[in-house]
Amino acid sequence: MRKQIISIALVAAALTVLSSCGFDAKKPGRVYMPDMTYSNALEAYAPSTILNEDGDSVSTRKPVAGTIPRGWIPTDEKIRTNEAFLMSYMAKNYFTHTAEKWQEEYDKAGASLKDPLEYTAENKAAGAKLYNTHCINCHGASGNGQGNLVVLEDGKDGPFTAVPPDYKKRLPEIKDGNIFYSVSYGKGMMGGYGYSLNVTERWQVIHYIKGLAGVEGAATGAAAKEGDKKDDKAAAPKADAKKDTKKS
């Protein structure tokens, strides 16, 4: 009798297992844990029933305002004890880099961000290497805005609708913080390089282009005129009008 009970139990268990298996791949058969089978997992960028403060329902949320990623600031004490360096890293907290606030944030950067690097041959050489990798095609070897994407080899205009300004004319008129903001978040037709160059690398590039402009030391923007500021406000973030780039 005992053997019969065991046999019946085994047969019943086998039938139960087989009944939960189906031949249709789209039908899982008998579901014993529906909360696991039909979970409420959210896909990235899929709509959510919970709205954020901007009224956006996308499941992937933006970072909380005023925060920076873990490990964003290096552990190097030379950086952590340098107020200007810290401000360059913390600038991520204070700028939204949106087109609507471009001029407001550009002015704020000019007033709050200072150059943290020493003017050394090493920093300038590093800036030259980065410039030749990221900037020379548009701004040109001498920083006059006549790069090979602006003026083609045959002398014709390149594919861009705006010509970068000549560093010798532009950089003495603006502050270091203005330059850092433009390099980080872009200006006009130029995209931002904050994603590809770290803070030190951006300042090294700035050292190099200031050298091309004949500006040594801190750029104070003392030469800027009220009329120039108004022109900048009207132009940013739109591109400047196309200039004649053909050589005479």
Protein backbone atom coordinates (compact mmCIF):
# COMPACT_ATOMS: atom_id res chain seq x y z
CA MET A 1 0.00 0.00 0.00
CA ARG A 2 2.83 2.33 0.88
CA LYS A 3 4.50 1.71 -2.47
CA GLN A 4 1.24 2.49 -4.25
CA ILE A 5 0.88 5.81 -2.41
CA ILE A 6 4.43 6.76 -3.35
CA SER A 7 3.85 5.82 -6.98
CA ILE A 8 0.62 7.80 -7.12
CA ALA A 9 2.37 10.83 -5.57
CA LEU A 10 5.17 10.64 -8.10
CA VAL A 11 2.74 10.38 -11.00
CA ALA A 12 0.72 13.32 -9.63
CA ALA A 13 3.87 15.41 -9.26
CA ALA A 14 4.97 14.57 -12.80
CA LEU A 15 1.56 15.50 -14.18
CA THR A 16 1.65 18.77 -12.25
CA VAL A 17 5.07 19.67 -13.64
CA LEU A 18 4.05 18.76 -17.18
CA SER A 19 0.84 20.74 -16.92
CA SER A 20 2.81 23.89 -16.09
CA CYS A 21 4.87 23.58 -19.26
CA GLY A 22 3.49 24.69 -22.57
CA PHE A 23 4.59 24.30 -26.14
CA ASP A 24 3.85 27.94 -26.99
CA ALA A 25 6.92 30.07 -26.20
CA LYS A 26 4.69 33.12 -25.70
CA LYS A 27 2.63 31.37 -23.01
CA PRO A 28 4.52 30.49 -19.83
CA GLY A 29 1.92 27.97 -18.73
CA ARG A 30 0.78 27.88 -15.13
CA VAL A 31 2.15 30.86 -13.21
CA TYR A 32 2.88 30.29 -9.53
CA MET A 33 4.52 33.67 -8.77
CA PRO A 34 2.75 36.33 -10.85
CA ASP A 35 4.56 39.22 -9.10
CA MET A 36 7.84 37.84 -10.46
CA THR A 37 6.55 36.86 -13.89
CA TYR A 38 4.73 40.13 -14.47
CA SER A 39 6.97 42.57 -12.59
CA ASN A 40 6.54 46.35 -12.77
CA ALA A 41 10.11 47.04 -13.86
CA LEU A 42 10.55 50.36 -15.70
CA GLU A 43 12.43 50.63 -18.95
CA ALA A 44 14.88 53.51 -19.39
CA TYR A 45 13.16 56.58 -20.85
CA ALA A 46 9.76 54.85 -20.68
CA PRO A 47 6.83 56.92 -19.33
CA SER A 48 6.10 56.71 -15.64
CA THR A 49 2.97 57.47 -13.66
CA ILE A 50 5.04 59.69 -11.35
CA LEU A 51 5.75 63.21 -12.60
CA ASN A 52 8.85 65.13 -11.58
CA GLU A 53 8.96 68.82 -10.68
CA ASP A 54 9.15 69.74 -14.36
CA GLY A 55 6.07 67.72 -15.23
CA ASP A 56 8.18 65.12 -17.01
CA SER A 57 7.08 61.48 -16.73
CA VAL A 58 10.21 59.85 -18.15
CA SER A 59 11.42 57.13 -15.79
CA THR A 60 15.08 58.16 -16.14
CA ARG A 61 15.41 61.21 -13.93
CA LYS A 62 17.87 64.08 -14.04
CA PRO A 63 20.28 64.41 -11.07
CA VAL A 64 19.06 66.45 -8.14
CA ALA A 65 19.82 70.14 -8.62
CA GLY A 66 22.98 71.28 -6.83
CA THR A 67 24.61 67.85 -6.75
CA ILE A 68 27.73 66.45 -8.39
CA PRO A 69 28.62 62.80 -9.14
CA ARG A 70 30.52 60.76 -6.58
CA GLY A 71 34.24 61.07 -7.28
CA TRP A 72 33.76 64.13 -9.50
CA ILE A 73 36.30 66.13 -7.50
CA PRO A 74 39.74 64.43 -7.52
CA THR A 75 41.35 63.44 -4.23
CA ASP A 76 44.47 65.44 -5.08
CA GLU A 77 45.06 67.85 -2.19
CA LYS A 78 46.42 70.47 -4.61
CA ILE A 79 42.93 70.61 -6.09
CA ARG A 80 40.92 70.26 -2.88
CA THR A 81 42.83 73.07 -1.19
CA ASN A 82 42.69 75.41 -4.20
CA GLU A 83 39.53 77.51 -4.09
CA ALA A 84 39.72 78.42 -7.78
CA PHE A 85 40.14 74.75 -8.72
CA LEU A 86 37.20 73.73 -6.55
CA MET A 87 34.99 76.41 -8.13
CA SER A 88 35.83 75.05 -11.59
CA TYR A 89 34.65 71.58 -10.52
CA MET A 90 31.67 72.87 -8.54
CA ALA A 91 30.57 75.03 -11.49
CA LYS A 92 28.60 71.98 -12.58
CA ASN A 93 26.22 72.82 -9.71
CA TYR A 94 25.53 76.37 -10.79
CA PHE A 95 25.06 76.14 -14.55
CA THR A 96 22.22 74.51 -16.45
CA HIS A 97 23.93 75.22 -19.83
CA THR A 98 20.54 75.75 -21.48
CA ALA A 99 20.13 78.11 -24.43
CA GLU A 100 17.60 80.27 -22.57
CA LYS A 101 20.04 81.05 -19.76
CA TRP A 102 23.21 81.20 -21.85
CA GLN A 103 24.01 84.90 -21.41
CA GLU A 104 23.05 84.94 -17.73
CA GLU A 105 25.30 81.98 -16.94
CA TYR A 106 28.07 83.24 -19.22
CA ASP A 107 28.17 86.49 -17.22
CA LYS A 108 28.04 84.59 -13.92
CA ALA A 109 30.99 82.43 -15.00
CA GLY A 110 33.01 85.52 -15.87
CA ALA A 111 32.44 86.91 -12.40
CA SER A 112 32.94 83.73 -10.35
CA LEU A 113 35.44 81.44 -12.10
CA LYS A 114 39.17 82.09 -11.87
CA ASP A 115 42.11 80.36 -13.51
CA PRO A 116 43.57 77.85 -10.99
CA LEU A 117 46.64 76.80 -12.97
CA GLU A 118 50.14 78.25 -12.88
CA TYR A 119 51.53 79.58 -16.14
CA THR A 120 54.16 76.97 -16.88
CA ALA A 121 55.70 75.60 -20.06
CA GLU A 122 54.29 72.20 -19.11
CA ASN A 123 50.68 73.42 -18.94
CA LYS A 124 51.05 75.39 -22.15
CA ALA A 125 52.52 72.38 -23.96
CA ALA A 126 49.69 70.18 -22.75
CA GLY A 127 47.20 72.81 -23.92
CA ALA A 128 48.86 72.93 -27.35
CA LYS A 129 48.50 69.17 -27.78
CA LEU A 130 44.81 69.28 -26.80
CA TYR A 131 44.21 72.30 -29.04
CA ASN A 132 45.70 70.51 -32.04
CA THR A 133 43.40 67.57 -31.35
CA HIS A 134 40.10 69.33 -30.64
CA CYS A 135 40.23 72.93 -31.83
CA ILE A 136 42.61 73.57 -34.70
CA ASN A 137 40.26 72.41 -37.47
CA CYS A 138 37.92 75.34 -36.83
CA HIS A 139 40.03 77.95 -35.03
CA GLY A 140 43.18 77.51 -37.11
CA ALA A 141 46.80 77.00 -36.11
CA SER A 142 47.24 80.65 -35.14
CA GLY A 143 43.79 81.08 -33.58
CA ASN A 144 42.53 83.42 -36.30
CA GLY A 145 39.39 81.41 -37.03
CA GLN A 146 40.62 80.20 -40.42
CA GLY A 147 40.74 76.45 -39.76
CA ASN A 148 40.51 73.92 -42.56
CA LEU A 149 36.81 73.36 -41.87
CA VAL A 150 36.12 77.09 -42.19
CA VAL A 151 38.29 77.81 -45.22
CA LEU A 152 38.80 74.89 -47.59
CA GLU A 153 42.06 74.17 -49.39
CA ASP A 154 40.73 75.72 -52.59
CA GLY A 155 39.87 78.93 -50.75
CA LYS A 156 36.12 78.33 -50.68
CA ASP A 157 33.93 78.57 -47.60
CA GLY A 158 33.67 75.46 -45.45
CA PRO A 159 30.42 73.87 -44.22
CA PHE A 160 29.92 76.21 -41.25
CA THR A 161 27.71 79.30 -41.30
CA ALA A 162 29.84 81.20 -38.81
CA VAL A 163 33.53 82.02 -38.54
CA PRO A 164 35.23 81.72 -35.12
CA PRO A 165 36.53 85.07 -33.85
CA ASP A 166 40.22 85.90 -33.99
CA TYR A 167 41.67 85.16 -30.54
CA LYS A 168 43.84 88.29 -30.66
CA LYS A 169 40.73 90.44 -30.96
CA ARG A 170 38.32 88.49 -28.79
CA LEU A 171 40.16 87.06 -25.80
CA PRO A 172 41.52 90.36 -24.39
CA GLU A 173 37.90 91.55 -24.14
CA ILE A 174 36.57 88.75 -21.93
CA LYS A 175 37.42 87.14 -18.60
CA ASP A 176 38.90 83.73 -17.90
CA GLY A 177 35.57 82.49 -16.53
CA ASN A 178 33.84 83.47 -19.78
CA ILE A 179 36.36 81.47 -21.79
CA PHE A 180 35.98 78.46 -19.47
CA TYR A 181 32.20 78.56 -19.82
CA SER A 182 32.39 78.69 -23.62
CA VAL A 183 34.88 75.83 -23.78
CA SER A 184 32.80 73.77 -21.34
CA TYR A 185 29.30 74.35 -22.73
CA GLY A 186 29.83 75.78 -26.20
CA LYS A 187 29.04 79.07 -27.90
CA GLY A 188 27.22 79.67 -31.16
CA MET A 189 28.14 76.97 -33.66
CA MET A 190 30.75 75.47 -31.32
CA GLY A 191 29.68 72.59 -29.12
CA GLY A 192 30.85 72.20 -25.54
CA TYR A 193 33.94 70.19 -24.63
CA GLY A 194 33.14 69.62 -20.96
CA TYR A 195 32.30 65.99 -21.78
CA SER A 196 35.67 65.23 -23.41
CA LEU A 197 38.12 67.46 -21.52
CA ASN A 198 38.44 67.45 -17.75
CA VAL A 199 38.76 70.67 -15.78
CA THR A 200 42.57 70.75 -15.86
CA GLU A 201 42.65 70.05 -19.60
CA ARG A 202 40.19 72.86 -20.31
CA TRP A 203 42.32 75.35 -18.40
CA GLN A 204 45.44 74.11 -20.18
CA VAL A 205 43.75 74.75 -23.54
CA ILE A 206 42.81 78.22 -22.29
CA HIS A 207 46.45 78.91 -21.37
CA TYR A 208 47.49 77.97 -24.88
CA ILE A 209 44.87 80.02 -26.75
CA LYS A 210 45.59 83.03 -24.53
CA GLY A 211 49.21 82.65 -25.61
CA LEU A 212 48.07 82.73 -29.23
CA ALA A 213 46.18 85.92 -28.42
CA GLY A 214 49.18 87.49 -26.72
CA VAL A 215 47.45 87.48 -23.33
CA GLU A 216 49.73 86.40 -20.48
CA GLY A 217 48.34 85.96 -17.02
CA ALA A 218 44.73 86.48 -15.98
CA ALA A 219 42.36 87.86 -18.59
CA THR A 220 40.36 90.60 -16.88
CA GLY A 221 38.15 91.64 -19.75
CA ALA A 222 39.02 95.25 -19.03
CA ALA A 223 39.00 96.10 -22.73
CA ALA A 224 35.36 95.04 -23.18
CA LYS A 225 33.00 97.86 -24.09
CA GLU A 226 29.34 98.18 -23.29
CA GLY A 227 28.51 97.99 -26.96
CA ASP A 228 30.42 94.73 -27.30
CA LYS A 229 28.50 93.22 -24.38
CA LYS A 230 25.21 94.11 -26.03
CA ASP A 231 26.36 92.56 -29.28
CA ASP A 232 27.31 89.36 -27.44
CA LYS A 233 23.95 89.19 -25.76
CA ALA A 234 22.16 89.58 -29.04
CA ALA A 235 24.32 86.98 -30.74
CA ALA A 236 24.40 84.26 -28.07
CA PRO A 237 23.63 81.48 -28.40
CA LYS A 238 22.93 82.09 -32.10
CA ALA A 239 25.78 81.88 -34.59
CA ASP A 240 27.39 85.04 -35.97
CA ALA A 241 26.76 85.94 -39.55
CA LYS A 242 28.93 84.25 -42.15
CA LYS A 243 31.99 86.28 -43.03
CA ASP A 244 33.97 86.24 -46.21
CA THR A 245 36.75 83.74 -45.60
CA LYS A 246 38.38 83.87 -49.04
CA LYS A 247 41.91 85.09 -49.07
CA SER A 248 42.54 88.25 -51.05
